[in-house]
């Protein structure tokens, strides 16, 4: 795997704890891992510098912010050339309605997760921001009825319940 980072058991334990509570203090991490708080601070800093930890974010409820309708837009861009793709992705990422953008293989080039107020707002978004662009050949819309988050990337290790400590 290109770009992988070697992690020891303390690193893995810190990551397991932080992925479930990114606000854990260094003191709490130290107590849970059995190392000094200064060691946890150094390790978290190294994990950030190496790109293992990408950041921390606040998760908001779109419905409570007036964006109760979510959809996935499958977008086909033609011609699919770098000079068109870069500006297209930049524009879509800048839209406040965009939640995530995925570059795909297959018949569709992009999958865009959006959150909007209602069907009228979704229609406006598709017509004004997607199909009005010259490079967009097709947009297919799928409404999201319900969404579930999945488990943590690193399952619990030996101390947290896995029988062999593997992840």
Protein backbone atom coordinates (compact mmCIF):
# COMPACT_ATOMS: atom_id res chain seq x y z
CA UNK A 1 0.00 0.00 0.00
CA UNK A 2 1.57 3.27 -1.11
CA UNK A 3 1.88 5.94 1.54
CA UNK A 4 1.10 3.66 4.46
CA UNK A 5 2.49 4.54 7.88
CA UNK A 6 3.86 2.05 10.41
CA UNK A 7 1.76 2.19 13.57
CA UNK A 8 2.52 0.50 16.86
CA UNK A 9 -0.02 -0.65 19.45
CA UNK A 10 0.00 2.71 21.28
CA UNK A 11 -0.66 4.59 18.02
CA UNK A 12 -3.52 2.22 17.20
CA UNK A 13 -5.03 2.57 20.64
CA UNK A 14 -4.85 6.39 20.39
CA UNK A 15 -6.52 6.28 16.96
CA UNK A 16 -9.25 3.94 18.22
CA UNK A 17 -9.99 6.30 21.08
CA UNK A 18 -9.93 9.47 18.97
CA UNK A 19 -12.12 8.08 16.18
CA UNK A 20 -14.86 7.53 18.74
CA UNK A 21 -14.29 10.82 20.60
CA UNK A 22 -12.12 13.35 18.78
CA UNK A 23 -12.43 15.67 21.78
CA UNK A 24 -10.63 13.29 24.16
CA UNK A 25 -7.97 15.14 26.11
CA UNK A 26 -4.33 14.10 26.15
CA UNK A 27 -4.79 13.21 29.82
CA UNK A 28 -7.69 10.87 28.93
CA UNK A 29 -5.65 9.34 26.09
CA UNK A 30 -2.70 8.87 28.46
CA UNK A 31 -4.84 7.11 31.06
CA UNK A 32 -6.34 4.78 28.45
CA UNK A 33 -3.02 3.96 26.76
CA UNK A 34 -0.73 3.79 29.78
CA UNK A 35 1.73 6.41 28.52
CA UNK A 36 2.41 10.00 29.59
CA UNK A 37 0.19 12.82 28.35
CA UNK A 38 3.25 14.43 26.72
CA UNK A 39 3.86 11.17 24.83
CA UNK A 40 0.24 11.20 23.60
CA UNK A 41 0.67 14.81 22.50
CA UNK A 42 3.82 13.92 20.54
CA UNK A 43 2.21 10.85 18.98
CA UNK A 44 -0.96 12.69 17.92
CA UNK A 45 1.20 15.45 16.41
CA UNK A 46 3.21 12.83 14.47
CA UNK A 47 -0.01 11.14 13.31
CA UNK A 48 -1.24 14.52 12.02
CA UNK A 49 2.06 15.34 10.27
CA UNK A 50 2.15 11.92 8.61
CA UNK A 51 -1.42 12.36 7.32
CA UNK A 52 -2.96 9.48 9.30
CA UNK A 53 -5.15 11.99 11.16
CA UNK A 54 -6.71 14.23 8.53
CA UNK A 55 -8.55 16.57 10.83
CA UNK A 56 -11.45 16.99 13.20
CA UNK A 57 -14.87 18.13 12.16
CA UNK A 58 -18.17 19.10 13.62
CA UNK A 59 -21.12 17.12 12.30
CA UNK A 60 -24.33 19.05 11.75
CA UNK A 61 -27.89 17.85 11.16
CA UNK A 62 -28.87 19.15 7.68
CA UNK A 63 -32.60 18.93 8.46
CA UNK A 64 -32.25 21.20 11.49
CA UNK A 65 -30.46 23.72 9.28
CA UNK A 66 -33.32 23.83 6.76
CA UNK A 67 -31.85 21.23 4.38
CA UNK A 68 -34.12 18.28 5.04
CA UNK A 69 -33.91 16.75 1.57
CA UNK A 70 -30.76 14.91 0.57
CA UNK A 71 -29.95 13.40 -2.80
CA UNK A 72 -27.21 11.71 -4.77
CA UNK A 73 -26.54 13.18 -8.20
CA UNK A 74 -24.83 10.93 -10.74
CA UNK A 75 -23.06 13.25 -13.18
CA UNK A 76 -21.57 12.48 -16.56
CA UNK A 77 -19.04 15.02 -17.86
CA UNK A 78 -18.18 15.17 -21.58
CA UNK A 79 -15.53 15.46 -22.71
CA UNK A 80 -13.89 14.01 -19.61
CA UNK A 81 -10.64 15.97 -19.81
CA UNK A 82 -8.46 17.35 -17.02
CA UNK A 83 -8.89 20.99 -18.11
CA UNK A 84 -12.66 20.65 -17.63
CA UNK A 85 -12.65 18.30 -14.66
CA UNK A 86 -10.63 20.54 -12.30
CA UNK A 87 -12.87 23.63 -12.61
CA UNK A 88 -16.00 21.45 -12.49
CA UNK A 89 -14.95 19.80 -9.23
CA UNK A 90 -13.87 23.13 -7.73
CA UNK A 91 -17.26 24.68 -8.57
CA UNK A 92 -19.27 21.75 -7.20
CA UNK A 93 -17.22 21.62 -3.99
CA UNK A 94 -17.83 25.36 -3.47
CA UNK A 95 -21.63 24.94 -3.52
CA UNK A 96 -23.08 25.11 0.01
CA UNK A 97 -25.46 22.29 -0.90
CA UNK A 98 -22.63 19.86 -1.71
CA UNK A 99 -21.79 17.41 1.09
CA UNK A 100 -19.34 15.10 -0.77
CA UNK A 101 -18.04 14.58 -4.30
CA UNK A 102 -16.75 11.22 -5.56
CA UNK A 103 -14.84 10.69 -8.84
CA UNK A 104 -15.98 7.32 -10.24
CA UNK A 105 -15.27 4.68 -12.82
CA UNK A 106 -18.10 3.44 -15.01
CA UNK A 107 -20.76 5.28 -16.97
CA UNK A 108 -21.00 8.17 -14.49
CA UNK A 109 -17.99 10.33 -13.74
CA UNK A 110 -19.10 11.84 -10.42
CA UNK A 111 -21.43 11.11 -7.56
CA UNK A 112 -22.39 14.25 -5.64
CA UNK A 113 -24.14 14.09 -2.26
CA UNK A 114 -26.25 17.22 -1.76
CA UNK A 115 -28.52 18.57 0.98
CA UNK A 116 -31.25 21.04 0.00
CA UNK A 117 -34.38 22.58 1.48
CA UNK A 118 -36.96 20.85 -0.70
CA UNK A 119 -37.77 19.56 -4.19
CA UNK A 120 -37.91 23.08 -5.64
CA UNK A 121 -34.47 23.80 -4.25
CA UNK A 122 -33.16 20.49 -5.66
CA UNK A 123 -34.60 21.32 -9.08
CA UNK A 124 -32.97 24.77 -8.97
CA UNK A 125 -29.63 23.22 -8.00
CA UNK A 126 -29.71 20.62 -10.77
CA UNK A 127 -30.80 23.08 -13.47
CA UNK A 128 -28.73 26.11 -12.44
CA UNK A 129 -25.54 24.51 -11.15
CA UNK A 130 -25.24 21.21 -13.02
CA UNK A 131 -27.11 20.89 -16.31
CA UNK A 132 -26.42 24.52 -17.23
CA UNK A 133 -22.70 23.74 -17.37
CA UNK A 134 -21.47 22.98 -20.88
CA UNK A 135 -19.35 20.01 -19.80
CA UNK A 136 -22.23 18.23 -18.01
CA UNK A 137 -23.78 15.70 -20.39
CA UNK A 138 -26.21 14.06 -17.96
CA UNK A 139 -27.43 14.21 -14.36
CA UNK A 140 -29.41 11.46 -12.69
CA UNK A 141 -30.96 12.22 -9.29
CA UNK A 142 -31.65 9.75 -6.48
CA UNK A 143 -33.34 10.89 -3.28
CA UNK A 144 -31.96 9.65 0.03
CA UNK A 145 -34.69 8.31 2.30
CA UNK A 146 -32.45 7.45 5.23
CA UNK A 147 -28.75 7.32 6.03
CA UNK A 148 -26.80 5.27 8.54
CA UNK A 149 -23.25 5.85 9.70
CA UNK A 150 -20.97 2.83 9.70
CA UNK A 151 -18.67 1.63 12.43
CA UNK A 152 -15.21 2.98 13.14
CA UNK A 153 -12.40 2.32 10.68
CA UNK A 154 -10.33 0.64 13.39
CA UNK A 155 -12.36 -2.00 15.24
CA UNK A 156 -11.58 -2.53 18.91
CA UNK A 157 -8.21 -4.14 19.63
CA UNK A 158 -7.41 -6.83 22.17
CA UNK A 159 -7.91 -4.59 25.20
CA UNK A 160 -11.18 -3.28 23.76
CA UNK A 161 -12.69 -6.69 23.05
CA UNK A 162 -11.25 -8.25 19.87
CA UNK A 163 -9.93 -11.74 20.69
CA UNK A 164 -6.65 -11.51 18.76
CA UNK A 165 -5.96 -7.74 18.86
CA UNK A 166 -5.88 -7.53 15.07
CA UNK A 167 -7.50 -4.77 13.07
